Amino acid sequence: MASQYPHNFRLVRTIFPLLILIVAVVFFWSPAKESDIVSTQLVQGVVVEVNTGEAESFRTGNQVSMTTARIELPSGEHTRVLVLRQSLTVGDRVTLTETRFNDGQVKYRLGE
């Protein structure tokens, strides 16, 4: 008689990760609904600080870096945003997209 072990092994190796992926997608994927957004507008800010962090990738072993900038808003508040494909220096004026939500949360992202 043939053993069921190889069949069960393959089944567990394919079904279990698939189930974990489905649960993760359902749990973490919750985009902001259009009804949750109160307003979206462009605001100007001044770069106060630029930080670049580097680490070694677990998958490839290559060096990866991520750059963030601290921006002073016209109201005097500061926010930190992710910088992609731009070279910023302290003192630069930048345009941010400000999104306000029903729950009072405000998110900023760097305009390109």
Protein backbone atom coordinates (compact mmCIF):
# COMPACT_ATOMS: atom_id res chain seq x y z
CA MET A 1 0.00 0.00 0.00
CA ALA A 2 1.18 3.47 -0.84
CA SER A 3 1.70 5.91 2.00
CA GLN A 4 -0.51 8.96 2.29
CA TYR A 5 2.39 10.91 3.78
CA PRO A 6 3.70 12.45 0.50
CA HIS A 7 0.21 13.51 -0.52
CA ASN A 8 -0.54 15.02 2.89
CA PHE A 9 2.85 16.73 2.99
CA ARG A 10 2.26 18.45 -0.36
CA LEU A 11 -1.28 19.37 0.62
CA VAL A 12 -0.18 21.00 3.85
CA ARG A 13 2.72 22.78 2.11
CA THR A 14 0.34 24.37 -0.42
CA ILE A 15 -2.92 24.87 1.47
CA PHE A 16 -1.55 26.19 4.76
CA PRO A 17 0.47 29.11 3.26
CA LEU A 18 -2.46 29.93 0.98
CA LEU A 19 -4.81 30.17 3.96
CA ILE A 20 -2.35 32.37 5.84
CA LEU A 21 -2.08 34.64 2.81
CA ILE A 22 -5.86 34.95 2.49
CA VAL A 23 -6.27 35.78 6.19
CA ALA A 24 -3.46 38.36 5.99
CA VAL A 25 -4.98 40.04 2.95
CA VAL A 26 -8.42 40.24 4.58
CA PHE A 27 -6.98 41.47 7.89
CA PHE A 28 -4.52 44.06 6.58
CA TRP A 29 -6.31 45.24 3.46
CA SER A 30 -8.66 47.95 4.58
CA PRO A 31 -8.35 50.90 2.22
CA ALA A 32 -9.91 54.17 3.22
CA LYS A 33 -13.40 54.33 1.82
CA GLU A 34 -14.28 57.47 -0.12
CA SER A 35 -16.95 58.23 2.47
CA ASP A 36 -14.29 58.26 5.22
CA ILE A 37 -12.32 61.05 3.51
CA VAL A 38 -13.50 64.50 4.53
CA SER A 39 -11.11 66.56 2.42
CA THR A 40 -7.97 66.41 0.35
CA GLN A 41 -5.82 69.44 -0.38
CA LEU A 42 -2.30 70.47 -1.30
CA VAL A 43 -0.17 72.24 1.31
CA GLN A 44 3.33 73.68 1.18
CA GLY A 45 5.98 72.75 3.70
CA VAL A 46 9.68 73.25 4.40
CA VAL A 47 12.11 70.36 4.84
CA VAL A 48 13.58 70.50 8.35
CA GLU A 49 15.43 67.17 8.45
CA VAL A 50 16.30 64.34 6.06
CA ASN A 51 17.17 60.85 7.34
CA THR A 52 18.34 57.83 5.39
CA GLY A 53 18.45 54.43 7.04
CA GLU A 54 20.22 51.42 5.58
CA ALA A 55 19.91 47.72 6.33
CA GLU A 56 20.69 44.38 4.77
CA SER A 57 17.85 42.67 2.96
CA PHE A 58 16.90 39.31 4.48
CA ARG A 59 16.04 37.81 1.08
CA THR A 60 18.88 39.03 -1.13
CA GLY A 61 21.56 40.18 1.28
CA ASN A 62 21.85 43.49 -0.61
CA GLN A 63 21.94 46.86 1.10
CA VAL A 64 18.56 48.62 1.04
CA SER A 65 17.84 52.17 2.12
CA MET A 66 14.79 54.22 3.03
CA THR A 67 14.71 58.00 3.21
CA THR A 68 12.28 60.03 5.29
CA ALA A 69 11.96 63.78 5.70
CA ARG A 70 10.57 65.84 8.55
CA ILE A 71 8.47 68.67 7.11
CA GLU A 72 7.35 71.84 8.87
CA LEU A 73 3.79 72.70 7.90
CA PRO A 74 2.38 76.26 7.62
CA SER A 75 0.63 75.73 10.98
CA GLY A 76 4.01 75.17 12.66
CA GLU A 77 3.41 71.43 13.16
CA HIS A 78 5.85 68.81 11.89
CA THR A 79 5.15 65.61 10.00
CA ARG A 80 7.40 62.85 8.74
CA VAL A 81 6.94 61.54 5.18
CA LEU A 82 8.54 58.84 3.07
CA VAL A 83 10.72 60.19 0.26
CA LEU A 84 10.64 58.24 -3.00
CA ARG A 85 12.65 59.10 -6.13
CA GLN A 86 13.47 62.62 -4.92
CA SER A 87 16.57 64.25 -3.55
CA LEU A 88 15.67 66.64 -0.75
CA THR A 89 17.87 68.91 1.33
CA VAL A 90 17.13 70.96 4.42
CA GLY A 91 15.34 74.19 3.49
CA ASP A 92 13.64 72.87 0.34
CA ARG A 93 9.99 73.83 -0.15
CA VAL A 94 7.81 70.83 -0.97
CA THR A 95 4.17 70.20 -1.80
CA LEU A 96 2.32 67.69 0.38
CA THR A 97 -1.07 66.10 -0.15
CA GLU A 98 -3.08 66.43 3.05
CA THR A 99 -5.97 63.98 3.52
CA ARG A 100 -8.40 64.45 6.42
CA PHE A 101 -10.65 61.60 7.60
CA ASN A 102 -13.96 61.44 9.51
CA ASP A 103 -12.25 60.22 12.68
CA GLY A 104 -10.03 63.33 12.80
CA GLN A 105 -6.94 61.60 11.46
CA VAL A 106 -4.77 63.61 9.06
CA LYS A 107 -2.29 61.93 6.69
CA TYR A 108 0.36 63.59 4.57
CA ARG A 109 2.25 62.28 1.58
CA LEU A 110 4.87 63.92 -0.56
CA GLY A 111 3.62 65.21 -3.92
CA GLU A 112 5.73 64.32 -6.93
